[in-house]
Amino acid sequence: MDLEKPAGPPAAAPAGEGCLVVAIRVPVRIVALVLVVPVRVAWDALVVAGRFLNDALLRPLGRALLWVGRAVFVWPFVGLWRYVLVPSGKGLVWLGKVLLVLPATAFYRHVLTPLGHGAVWLYARVLTPIGAGAWAAAVWLGRCLLVVPALWLYRWVLAPVGRAVAWCARGLVRLVGAAVAGIGTGLYWTARILLVLPALAVWRWVLVPVGRVLAVVAREVGDALGHAWRIAGYMSLAVGRFMGRLFRWVFVEPVRWVYLRVLTPVGHVVRDAVLRPVGDAARAVGRAARQALAAARASVRQARADLRRTLFGEPAAEPGKPQLTHRREPTGPETRTLGSSTTALTKD
C-alpha cells in the first residue's frame, strides 16, 4: 500500500513538488483512508443487496406487472382498435364518400364548372375592356394631380431644406463625438489607476500563490480519495469473500452434507422399499381392473348380440358382400344341434 514504509532510502520528490506537497500528502491520505473504508464497504454491501433484490424480486415483479399492464391496457385497446374502431372508421369513410364526396363532386361538375366558365367569359369579354379604359383614365388623372405637384415640391422645397438640416446634424454629431471621446479618455485612465492596477497587483501577488496552494491541496485530496477508494475496494472484496466462505461453511456445506449423506440414502430406501412396490402393486391392480372391464364389456357385447339374434334372427347378407359368421359357432352342416353329439369342441 501507499502507507507502508519503503525498505530503501526515501525517493526524491517528483519535479515541481516541494516539502509542502509531501507534508500535505501523508496526513491527507491517512484521513481519507479512515473515512472512505466504511463508505466503500457499505457501498459494496448495498450493491450486492441491490443486485440480489433486482434478480430475485424486482425483475420478476416487473415482468409480471408488464404482463398485467399489457393484459389490462394494451390488449383491450388493440382489440378495440382492430375490431371496433377500424371497421367503424371504414364504414364512416364509405358513408362520408356516399353522402358528401359524391354529391359535392356532382355539384362541382354540373353546377360550379359551368358558372366558372361563364364568369371567365364575362371577365375576358366585358370587364377587361372596361377596366383597361378606367385604369388609363385613373393613371392620367393621378399623374396630373399628384405626381407632377409632388415632384415640384420635392425639387424646390424639400431638397434644399433637407440639405440644410443634414449639414447642421453633421456638425452637432462631430461636436458631441469630440466631447464624448475626451470624457471617455479621462474615465479610462481614472479607472485604470484606481481599479485595474490594484486588482492586477492583488491577483499577481496574493490570489495566484493562494490558488496554487489550494490547487496542490485539492489535487492531493483527490489523489488520496482515489487511493483510499481503491484500497477500500480491496478490503471490501476480502470481507465479502470471507463472509461468503463463512456462509458456505456454516450453512451451505452442512445442508449439502445432510442432503447427500442423510436425505439421499433415506430417499433411495423409501423409493426402493415403499414407493416402487406400491407402484408395482398399483400398476398390477390397474392391469387387473382393465382386464376385468374388458372381459365384462366383451360379455355384455356377446349377450347383446345373442339377444338380438334370438329376437330378430340373423341379418340378411347384402349381395356381393361376404357374410359375417360368429367366430364361436361352426357354419354349414357342422352346426351344433340339440340331438347331435358332435360339437365344435369334440370334432375330429
Protein backbone atom coordinates (compact mmCIF):
# COMPACT_ATOMS: atom_id res chain seq x y z
CA MET A 1 0.00 0.00 0.00
CA ASP A 2 1.00 3.65 -0.29
CA LEU A 3 1.09 3.99 3.53
CA GLU A 4 3.76 1.29 4.05
CA LYS A 5 7.29 2.50 4.78
CA PRO A 6 9.70 1.78 1.91
CA ALA A 7 12.64 -0.53 2.59
CA GLY A 8 15.29 1.59 0.86
CA PRO A 9 16.18 5.24 1.21
CA PRO A 10 13.38 7.76 0.62
CA ALA A 11 12.90 8.58 -3.03
CA ALA A 12 13.30 12.11 -4.20
CA ALA A 13 10.12 14.13 -4.71
CA PRO A 14 8.97 14.43 -8.31
CA ALA A 15 9.94 17.51 -10.21
CA GLY A 16 7.82 20.51 -9.28
CA GLU A 17 6.82 19.15 -5.80
CA GLY A 18 8.30 20.64 -2.68
CA CYS A 19 8.20 19.83 1.02
CA LEU A 20 4.74 21.42 1.33
CA VAL A 21 3.28 18.84 -1.07
CA VAL A 22 4.91 15.94 0.77
CA ALA A 23 3.81 17.30 4.16
CA ILE A 24 0.20 17.58 2.95
CA ARG A 25 0.06 14.20 1.14
CA VAL A 26 0.64 11.74 4.03
CA PRO A 27 -1.92 13.03 6.61
CA VAL A 28 -4.50 13.67 3.90
CA ARG A 29 -4.18 10.08 2.64
CA ILE A 30 -4.41 8.67 6.17
CA VAL A 31 -7.57 10.66 6.93
CA ALA A 32 -9.08 9.79 3.54
CA LEU A 33 -8.39 6.07 4.08
CA VAL A 34 -10.04 6.13 7.53
CA LEU A 35 -13.10 7.95 6.19
CA VAL A 36 -13.50 6.10 2.88
CA VAL A 37 -13.14 2.46 4.03
CA PRO A 38 -16.54 2.28 5.85
CA VAL A 39 -18.22 4.12 2.98
CA ARG A 40 -16.75 1.71 0.40
CA VAL A 41 -17.70 -1.37 2.46
CA ALA A 42 -21.26 -0.07 2.90
CA TRP A 43 -21.42 0.78 -0.81
CA ASP A 44 -20.33 -2.72 -1.87
CA ALA A 45 -22.85 -4.28 0.55
CA LEU A 46 -25.62 -2.11 -0.91
CA VAL A 47 -24.57 -3.07 -4.45
CA VAL A 48 -24.69 -6.80 -3.63
CA ALA A 49 -28.06 -6.42 -1.87
CA GLY A 50 -29.41 -4.38 -4.77
CA ARG A 51 -28.32 -6.98 -7.33
CA PHE A 52 -29.88 -9.79 -5.30
CA LEU A 53 -33.08 -7.79 -4.81
CA ASN A 54 -33.20 -6.97 -8.52
CA ASP A 55 -32.68 -10.59 -9.62
CA ALA A 56 -34.96 -12.18 -7.00
CA LEU A 57 -37.80 -9.66 -6.69
CA LEU A 58 -37.79 -6.59 -8.89
CA ARG A 59 -37.19 -8.26 -12.27
CA PRO A 60 -39.90 -10.97 -11.86
CA LEU A 61 -42.24 -8.37 -10.36
CA GLY A 62 -41.56 -6.05 -13.28
CA ARG A 63 -42.24 -8.82 -15.80
CA ALA A 64 -45.49 -9.70 -14.02
CA LEU A 65 -46.54 -6.04 -13.93
CA LEU A 66 -45.63 -5.70 -17.61
CA TRP A 67 -47.77 -8.71 -18.50
CA VAL A 68 -50.65 -7.40 -16.35
CA GLY A 69 -50.31 -3.97 -17.96
CA ARG A 70 -50.43 -5.49 -21.41
CA ALA A 71 -53.43 -7.63 -20.47
CA VAL A 72 -55.29 -4.74 -18.82
CA PHE A 73 -54.37 -1.78 -21.01
CA VAL A 74 -52.71 -2.78 -24.30
CA TRP A 75 -54.66 -5.83 -25.47
CA PRO A 76 -58.16 -4.33 -24.84
CA PHE A 77 -57.21 -1.19 -26.77
CA VAL A 78 -55.67 -3.26 -29.56
CA GLY A 79 -58.86 -5.33 -29.78
CA LEU A 80 -60.99 -2.17 -29.64
CA TRP A 81 -58.89 -0.59 -32.40
CA ARG A 82 -58.78 -3.70 -34.58
CA TYR A 83 -62.34 -4.99 -34.24
CA VAL A 84 -64.35 -1.82 -33.45
CA LEU A 85 -62.68 1.44 -34.48
CA VAL A 86 -61.15 0.27 -37.79
CA PRO A 87 -64.42 -1.26 -39.13
CA SER A 88 -66.36 1.77 -37.82
CA GLY A 89 -63.87 4.12 -39.49
CA LYS A 90 -64.14 2.27 -42.78
CA GLY A 91 -67.92 2.44 -42.55
CA LEU A 92 -67.82 6.17 -41.77
CA VAL A 93 -65.42 6.77 -44.67
CA TRP A 94 -67.72 4.92 -47.05
CA LEU A 95 -70.74 6.81 -45.65
CA GLY A 96 -68.95 10.16 -45.99
CA LYS A 97 -67.98 9.33 -49.53
CA VAL A 98 -71.55 8.43 -50.41
CA LEU A 99 -73.19 11.36 -48.57
CA LEU A 100 -70.61 14.14 -49.09
CA VAL A 101 -67.92 13.45 -51.67
CA LEU A 102 -70.09 12.13 -54.49
CA PRO A 103 -72.77 14.91 -54.13
CA ALA A 104 -70.04 17.58 -53.88
CA THR A 105 -68.28 16.19 -56.97
CA ALA A 106 -71.52 16.17 -58.92
CA PHE A 107 -72.37 19.73 -57.77
CA TYR A 108 -68.89 20.95 -58.77
CA ARG A 109 -69.01 19.21 -62.15
CA HIS A 110 -72.56 20.11 -63.20
CA VAL A 111 -73.12 23.49 -61.44
CA LEU A 112 -69.92 25.29 -60.42
CA THR A 113 -67.91 24.44 -63.55
CA PRO A 114 -70.46 25.97 -65.99
CA LEU A 115 -70.80 29.03 -63.71
CA GLY A 116 -67.00 29.39 -63.66
CA HIS A 117 -66.79 29.23 -67.45
CA GLY A 118 -69.48 31.92 -67.71
CA ALA A 119 -67.64 34.14 -65.24
CA VAL A 120 -64.37 33.75 -67.18
CA TRP A 121 -66.12 34.76 -70.40
CA LEU A 122 -67.70 37.79 -68.67
CA TYR A 123 -64.31 38.87 -67.27
CA ALA A 124 -62.48 38.45 -70.58
CA ARG A 125 -65.13 39.97 -72.86
CA VAL A 126 -66.76 42.69 -70.74
CA LEU A 127 -64.88 43.59 -67.55
CA THR A 128 -61.35 43.61 -69.03
CA PRO A 129 -62.03 46.32 -71.70
CA ILE A 130 -63.95 48.45 -69.17
CA GLY A 131 -61.18 48.05 -66.57
CA ALA A 132 -58.44 48.92 -69.09
CA GLY A 133 -60.13 52.19 -70.01
CA ALA A 134 -60.82 53.12 -66.40
CA TRP A 135 -57.20 52.36 -65.41
CA ALA A 136 -55.78 54.54 -68.23
CA ALA A 137 -58.00 57.44 -67.16
CA ALA A 138 -57.06 57.00 -63.50
CA VAL A 139 -53.33 56.94 -64.36
CA TRP A 140 -53.55 60.15 -66.37
CA LEU A 141 -55.50 61.95 -63.61
CA GLY A 142 -53.07 60.72 -60.92
CA ARG A 143 -50.08 61.95 -62.93
CA CYS A 144 -51.59 65.37 -63.48
CA LEU A 145 -52.99 65.85 -59.96
CA LEU A 146 -50.36 64.09 -57.73
CA VAL A 147 -47.06 63.18 -59.38
CA VAL A 148 -46.24 66.49 -61.08
CA PRO A 149 -47.01 68.67 -57.98
CA ALA A 150 -45.13 66.23 -55.72
CA LEU A 151 -42.01 66.34 -57.94
CA TRP A 152 -42.07 70.14 -57.98
CA LEU A 153 -42.47 70.29 -54.15
CA TYR A 154 -39.57 67.81 -53.60
CA ARG A 155 -37.20 69.54 -56.03
CA TRP A 156 -37.70 73.17 -54.97
CA VAL A 157 -38.76 72.92 -51.28
CA LEU A 158 -37.91 69.65 -49.51
CA ALA A 159 -34.44 69.00 -51.04
CA PRO A 160 -32.92 72.40 -50.00
CA VAL A 161 -34.43 72.15 -46.51
CA GLY A 162 -33.12 68.54 -46.09
CA ARG A 163 -29.58 69.57 -47.14
CA ALA A 164 -29.51 72.36 -44.55
CA VAL A 165 -30.80 70.06 -41.79
CA ALA A 166 -28.19 67.34 -42.69
CA TRP A 167 -25.33 69.87 -42.54
CA CYS A 168 -26.43 71.04 -39.08
CA ALA A 169 -26.80 67.43 -37.86
CA ARG A 170 -23.26 66.51 -39.03
CA GLY A 171 -21.77 69.44 -37.18
CA LEU A 172 -23.67 68.57 -33.99
CA VAL A 173 -22.56 64.89 -34.21
CA ARG A 174 -18.90 65.91 -34.58
CA LEU A 175 -19.15 68.20 -31.55
CA VAL A 176 -20.81 65.53 -29.38
CA GLY A 177 -18.25 62.88 -30.55
CA ALA A 178 -15.31 65.08 -29.54
CA ALA A 179 -16.85 65.70 -26.08
CA VAL A 180 -17.58 62.01 -25.53
CA ALA A 181 -14.05 60.99 -26.64
CA GLY A 182 -12.48 63.41 -24.11
CA ILE A 183 -14.72 62.23 -21.26
CA GLY A 184 -14.09 58.54 -22.15
CA THR A 185 -10.30 59.02 -22.15
CA GLY A 186 -10.42 60.64 -18.72
CA LEU A 187 -12.65 57.90 -17.30
CA TYR A 188 -10.40 55.18 -18.80
CA TRP A 189 -7.24 56.48 -17.13
CA THR A 190 -9.07 57.09 -13.87
CA ALA A 191 -10.45 53.54 -13.80
CA ARG A 192 -7.05 52.09 -14.81
CA ILE A 193 -5.23 53.88 -11.99
CA LEU A 194 -7.87 53.34 -9.30
CA LEU A 195 -9.14 49.81 -10.15
CA VAL A 196 -7.14 47.88 -12.75
CA LEU A 197 -3.61 48.36 -11.36
CA PRO A 198 -4.58 47.50 -7.71
CA ALA A 199 -6.63 44.48 -8.90
CA LEU A 200 -3.70 43.29 -11.05
CA ALA A 201 -1.34 43.58 -8.10
CA VAL A 202 -3.73 41.65 -5.81
CA TRP A 203 -4.13 38.95 -8.48
CA ARG A 204 -0.39 38.62 -9.14
CA TRP A 205 0.94 38.77 -5.58
CA VAL A 206 -1.96 37.35 -3.48
CA LEU A 207 -4.53 35.27 -5.40
CA VAL A 208 -2.12 33.36 -7.66
CA PRO A 209 0.07 31.99 -4.80
CA VAL A 210 -3.02 31.16 -2.69
CA GLY A 211 -4.64 29.47 -5.69
CA ARG A 212 -1.52 27.38 -6.31
CA VAL A 213 -1.51 26.22 -2.69
CA LEU A 214 -5.23 25.41 -2.83
CA ALA A 215 -4.74 23.57 -6.14
CA VAL A 216 -1.99 21.43 -4.58
CA VAL A 217 -4.23 20.70 -1.58
CA ALA A 218 -7.20 19.82 -3.82
CA ARG A 219 -5.05 17.58 -6.04
CA GLU A 220 -3.61 15.75 -3.06
CA VAL A 221 -7.07 15.33 -1.52
CA GLY A 222 -8.38 13.93 -4.81
CA ASP A 223 -5.40 11.54 -5.16
CA ALA A 224 -5.83 10.47 -1.53
CA LEU A 225 -9.52 9.80 -2.00
CA GLY A 226 -8.77 7.77 -5.15
CA HIS A 227 -6.12 5.65 -3.39
CA ALA A 228 -8.37 5.22 -0.35
CA TRP A 229 -11.30 4.19 -2.55
CA ARG A 230 -9.19 1.54 -4.32
CA ILE A 231 -7.76 0.21 -1.04
CA ALA A 232 -11.26 0.15 0.44
CA GLY A 233 -12.41 -1.81 -2.60
CA TYR A 234 -9.76 -4.47 -1.98
CA MET A 235 -10.71 -4.60 1.71
CA SER A 236 -14.40 -4.81 0.86
CA LEU A 237 -13.68 -7.62 -1.63
CA ALA A 238 -11.73 -9.53 1.03
CA VAL A 239 -14.52 -9.03 3.59
CA GLY A 240 -17.12 -10.17 1.05
CA ARG A 241 -15.14 -13.29 0.19
CA PHE A 242 -14.67 -14.08 3.88
CA MET A 243 -18.39 -13.65 4.56
CA GLY A 244 -19.20 -15.83 1.52
CA ARG A 245 -16.87 -18.59 2.68
CA LEU A 246 -18.21 -18.31 6.23
CA PHE A 247 -21.79 -18.59 4.96
CA ARG A 248 -20.77 -21.56 2.82
CA TRP A 249 -19.09 -23.43 5.68
CA VAL A 250 -21.74 -22.53 8.27
CA PHE A 251 -24.91 -23.09 6.19
CA VAL A 252 -24.33 -24.46 2.67
CA GLU A 253 -21.89 -27.27 3.46
CA PRO A 254 -23.95 -28.67 6.40
CA VAL A 255 -27.10 -28.58 4.29
CA ARG A 256 -25.25 -30.22 1.40
CA TRP A 257 -23.80 -32.89 3.71
CA VAL A 258 -27.25 -33.59 5.21
CA TYR A 259 -28.75 -33.82 1.72
CA LEU A 260 -26.03 -36.12 0.36
CA ARG A 261 -25.37 -38.27 3.45
CA VAL A 262 -28.82 -38.45 5.06
CA LEU A 263 -31.70 -37.42 2.82
CA THR A 264 -30.46 -39.09 -0.36
CA PRO A 265 -29.93 -42.59 1.20
CA VAL A 266 -33.23 -42.29 3.07
CA GLY A 267 -34.93 -41.29 -0.16
CA HIS A 268 -33.39 -44.23 -2.01
CA VAL A 269 -34.51 -46.62 0.74
CA VAL A 270 -38.04 -45.17 0.71
CA ARG A 271 -38.12 -45.39 -3.08
CA ASP A 272 -36.86 -48.98 -3.21
CA ALA A 273 -38.73 -50.31 -0.16
CA VAL A 274 -42.02 -48.40 -0.29
CA LEU A 275 -42.70 -46.36 -3.40
CA ARG A 276 -41.57 -48.89 -6.01
CA PRO A 277 -43.55 -51.86 -4.52
CA VAL A 278 -46.58 -49.65 -4.06
CA GLY A 279 -46.25 -48.50 -7.67
CA ASP A 280 -45.88 -52.07 -8.94
CA ALA A 281 -48.93 -53.13 -6.91
CA ALA A 282 -50.93 -50.18 -8.19
CA ARG A 283 -49.96 -50.98 -11.77
CA ALA A 284 -50.89 -54.67 -11.26
CA VAL A 285 -54.26 -53.66 -9.77
CA GLY A 286 -54.78 -51.32 -12.73
CA ARG A 287 -53.97 -54.05 -15.26
CA ALA A 288 -56.30 -56.49 -13.47
CA ALA A 289 -59.08 -53.90 -13.38
CA ARG A 290 -58.61 -53.12 -17.08
CA GLN A 291 -58.69 -56.82 -17.96
CA ALA A 292 -61.85 -57.34 -15.83
CA LEU A 293 -63.52 -54.35 -17.50
CA ALA A 294 -62.52 -55.64 -20.95
CA ALA A 295 -63.94 -59.12 -20.14
CA ALA A 296 -67.14 -57.55 -18.78
CA ARG A 297 -67.54 -55.42 -21.93
CA ALA A 298 -66.96 -58.47 -24.13
CA SER A 299 -69.56 -60.47 -22.16
CA VAL A 300 -72.11 -57.66 -22.38
CA ARG A 301 -71.43 -57.26 -26.11
CA GLN A 302 -71.87 -61.05 -26.68
CA ALA A 303 -75.08 -61.16 -24.61
CA ARG A 304 -76.50 -58.25 -26.57
CA ALA A 305 -75.61 -59.92 -29.86
CA ASP A 306 -77.21 -63.23 -28.77
CA LEU A 307 -80.37 -61.43 -27.64
CA ARG A 308 -80.62 -59.54 -30.93
CA ARG A 309 -80.09 -62.78 -32.90
CA THR A 310 -82.73 -64.56 -30.79
CA LEU A 311 -85.34 -61.83 -31.24
CA PHE A 312 -84.74 -60.73 -34.83
CA GLY A 313 -82.78 -63.56 -36.38
CA GLU A 314 -79.65 -63.36 -38.49
CA PRO A 315 -79.38 -60.20 -40.60
CA ALA A 316 -79.73 -60.79 -44.37
CA ALA A 317 -76.46 -60.62 -46.24
CA GLU A 318 -76.14 -57.93 -48.90
CA PRO A 319 -75.36 -59.09 -52.48
CA GLY A 320 -71.66 -59.02 -53.27
CA LYS A 321 -70.69 -58.63 -49.58
CA PRO A 322 -69.20 -61.55 -47.62
CA GLN A 323 -71.42 -62.77 -44.78
CA LEU A 324 -70.03 -62.38 -41.29
CA THR A 325 -70.32 -65.50 -39.12
CA HIS A 326 -69.92 -65.81 -35.38
CA ARG A 327 -66.46 -66.99 -34.53
CA ARG A 328 -67.71 -69.33 -31.76
CA GLU A 329 -70.22 -71.21 -33.95
CA PRO A 330 -69.31 -73.52 -36.90
CA THR A 331 -71.03 -72.89 -40.24
CA GLY A 332 -72.88 -75.20 -42.65
CA PRO A 333 -73.73 -78.80 -41.81
CA GLU A 334 -71.30 -78.82 -38.83
CA THR A 335 -73.52 -76.52 -36.78
CA ARG A 336 -74.30 -77.80 -33.30
CA THR A 337 -77.75 -79.21 -32.67
CA LEU A 338 -79.53 -80.43 -29.56
CA GLY A 339 -79.71 -84.09 -30.77
CA SER A 340 -76.15 -84.33 -32.12
CA SER A 341 -73.21 -85.46 -30.05
CA THR A 342 -70.69 -83.86 -32.38
CA THR A 343 -69.77 -80.33 -31.35
CA ALA A 344 -67.08 -77.92 -32.32
CA LEU A 345 -65.09 -78.93 -29.24
CA THR A 346 -65.24 -82.72 -29.87
CA LYS A 347 -64.97 -82.64 -33.65
CA ASP A 348 -62.03 -84.58 -35.09
